[in-house]
Amino acid sequence: DGAAVWPDAPPAGFAAVIGNPPFLNQLGSSTSRTAEDATRLRERWGPAVFRYTDTAAIFLLVATELAAPGGVV
């Protein structure tokens, strides 16, 4: 949901974004995303998210969107 989860998010973005992404193996049946999740992610991020895109990479996409110009991820 991006910055929408913070009602008072800075309009230009955050000065720093810190995360701890889950490392979920998309080849493992217990850690792969559902078809519904995969569809939602593709709708949101387009070709940046494909079959085996690591969830940590998606966290990086979100972090770069949340960071202000010149911010630290």
C-alpha atoms as a PDB file:
ATOM      1  CA  ASP A   1       0.000   0.000   0.000  1.00  0.00           C
ATOM      2  CA  GLY A   2       3.039   2.260   0.041  1.00  0.00           C
ATOM      3  CA  ALA A   3       2.946   5.594   1.840  1.00  0.00           C
ATOM      4  CA  ALA A   4      -0.859   5.369   2.127  1.00  0.00           C
ATOM      5  CA  VAL A   5      -0.456   3.361   5.336  1.00  0.00           C
ATOM      6  CA  TRP A   6       1.004   6.443   7.043  1.00  0.00           C
ATOM      7  CA  PRO A   7      -1.636   9.186   7.200  1.00  0.00           C
ATOM      8  CA  ASP A   8       1.032  11.751   8.106  1.00  0.00           C
ATOM      9  CA  ALA A   9       3.741  10.559   5.679  1.00  0.00           C
ATOM     10  CA  PRO A  10       6.013  13.340   4.445  1.00  0.00           C
ATOM     11  CA  PRO A  11       4.787  14.437   1.010  1.00  0.00           C
ATOM     12  CA  ALA A  12       8.291  14.280  -0.500  1.00  0.00           C
ATOM     13  CA  GLY A  13       9.045  10.872   1.041  1.00  0.00           C
ATOM     14  CA  PHE A  14      10.996   9.609   4.018  1.00  0.00           C
ATOM     15  CA  ALA A  15      14.603  10.634   4.689  1.00  0.00           C
ATOM     16  CA  ALA A  16      15.430   7.005   5.488  1.00  0.00           C
ATOM     17  CA  VAL A  17      13.690   3.696   4.853  1.00  0.00           C
ATOM     18  CA  ILE A  18      14.746   0.633   6.838  1.00  0.00           C
ATOM     19  CA  GLY A  19      13.354  -2.804   6.195  1.00  0.00           C
ATOM     20  CA  ASN A  20      13.756  -6.449   7.015  1.00  0.00           C
ATOM     21  CA  PRO A  21      12.398  -8.296   3.996  1.00  0.00           C
ATOM     22  CA  PRO A  22      11.396 -11.912   4.254  1.00  0.00           C
ATOM     23  CA  PHE A  23      13.464 -14.230   2.102  1.00  0.00           C
ATOM     24  CA  LEU A  24      10.774 -16.440   0.627  1.00  0.00           C
ATOM     25  CA  ASN A  25      11.782 -19.095  -1.869  1.00  0.00           C
ATOM     26  CA  GLN A  26       9.387 -18.915  -4.822  1.00  0.00           C
ATOM     27  CA  LEU A  27      10.322 -22.477  -5.764  1.00  0.00           C
ATOM     28  CA  GLY A  28       9.248 -23.862  -2.378  1.00  0.00           C
ATOM     29  CA  SER A  29       5.589 -24.769  -2.006  1.00  0.00           C
ATOM     30  CA  SER A  30       5.392 -23.523   1.577  1.00  0.00           C
ATOM     31  CA  THR A  31       6.934 -20.104   0.856  1.00  0.00           C
ATOM     32  CA  SER A  32       5.792 -19.272  -2.678  1.00  0.00           C
ATOM     33  CA  ARG A  33       3.198 -16.545  -3.169  1.00  0.00           C
ATOM     34  CA  THR A  34      -0.348 -17.358  -4.155  1.00  0.00           C
ATOM     35  CA  ALA A  35      -1.619 -16.768  -7.679  1.00  0.00           C
ATOM     36  CA  GLU A  36      -3.761 -13.919  -6.316  1.00  0.00           C
ATOM     37  CA  ASP A  37      -0.751 -12.248  -4.679  1.00  0.00           C
ATOM     38  CA  ALA A  38       1.310 -12.683  -7.835  1.00  0.00           C
ATOM     39  CA  THR A  39      -1.432 -11.041  -9.908  1.00  0.00           C
ATOM     40  CA  ARG A  40      -1.726  -8.097  -7.494  1.00  0.00           C
ATOM     41  CA  LEU A  41       2.034  -7.581  -7.507  1.00  0.00           C
ATOM     42  CA  ARG A  42       2.211  -7.681 -11.317  1.00  0.00           C
ATOM     43  CA  GLU A  43      -0.642  -5.190 -11.542  1.00  0.00           C
ATOM     44  CA  ARG A  44       1.205  -2.879  -9.144  1.00  0.00           C
ATOM     45  CA  TRP A  45       4.811  -3.273 -10.353  1.00  0.00           C
ATOM     46  CA  GLY A  46       4.421  -4.463 -13.944  1.00  0.00           C
ATOM     47  CA  PRO A  47       7.314  -6.377 -15.507  1.00  0.00           C
ATOM     48  CA  ALA A  48       9.543  -5.807 -12.457  1.00  0.00           C
ATOM     49  CA  VAL A  49       7.707  -8.729 -10.825  1.00  0.00           C
ATOM     50  CA  PHE A  50       7.623 -12.030 -12.664  1.00  0.00           C
ATOM     51  CA  ARG A  51       7.352 -15.703 -11.770  1.00  0.00           C
ATOM     52  CA  TYR A  52      10.365 -16.091  -9.517  1.00  0.00           C
ATOM     53  CA  THR A  53      11.036 -12.524  -8.406  1.00  0.00           C
ATOM     54  CA  ASP A  54      12.385 -12.657  -4.877  1.00  0.00           C
ATOM     55  CA  THR A  55      10.173 -10.958  -2.316  1.00  0.00           C
ATOM     56  CA  ALA A  56      13.217  -9.075  -1.007  1.00  0.00           C
ATOM     57  CA  ALA A  57      13.503  -7.399  -4.425  1.00  0.00           C
ATOM     58  CA  ILE A  58       9.896  -6.219  -4.135  1.00  0.00           C
ATOM     59  CA  PHE A  59      10.708  -4.743  -0.712  1.00  0.00           C
ATOM     60  CA  LEU A  60      13.541  -2.822  -2.385  1.00  0.00           C
ATOM     61  CA  LEU A  61      11.104  -1.439  -4.986  1.00  0.00           C
ATOM     62  CA  VAL A  62       8.766  -0.275  -2.240  1.00  0.00           C
ATOM     63  CA  ALA A  63      11.635   1.260  -0.249  1.00  0.00           C
ATOM     64  CA  THR A  64      12.841   3.282  -3.235  1.00  0.00           C
ATOM     65  CA  GLU A  65       9.301   4.573  -3.760  1.00  0.00           C
ATOM     66  CA  LEU A  66       8.970   5.594  -0.089  1.00  0.00           C
ATOM     67  CA  ALA A  67      12.344   7.343   0.093  1.00  0.00           C
ATOM     68  CA  ALA A  68      12.608  11.057  -0.585  1.00  0.00           C
ATOM     69  CA  PRO A  69      14.994  12.240  -3.306  1.00  0.00           C
ATOM     70  CA  GLY A  70      18.429  11.886  -1.734  1.00  0.00           C
ATOM     71  CA  GLY A  71      16.996   9.650   0.983  1.00  0.00           C
ATOM     72  CA  VAL A  72      18.728   6.532   2.262  1.00  0.00           C
ATOM     73  CA  VAL A  73      17.402   3.015   1.757  1.00  0.00           C
END
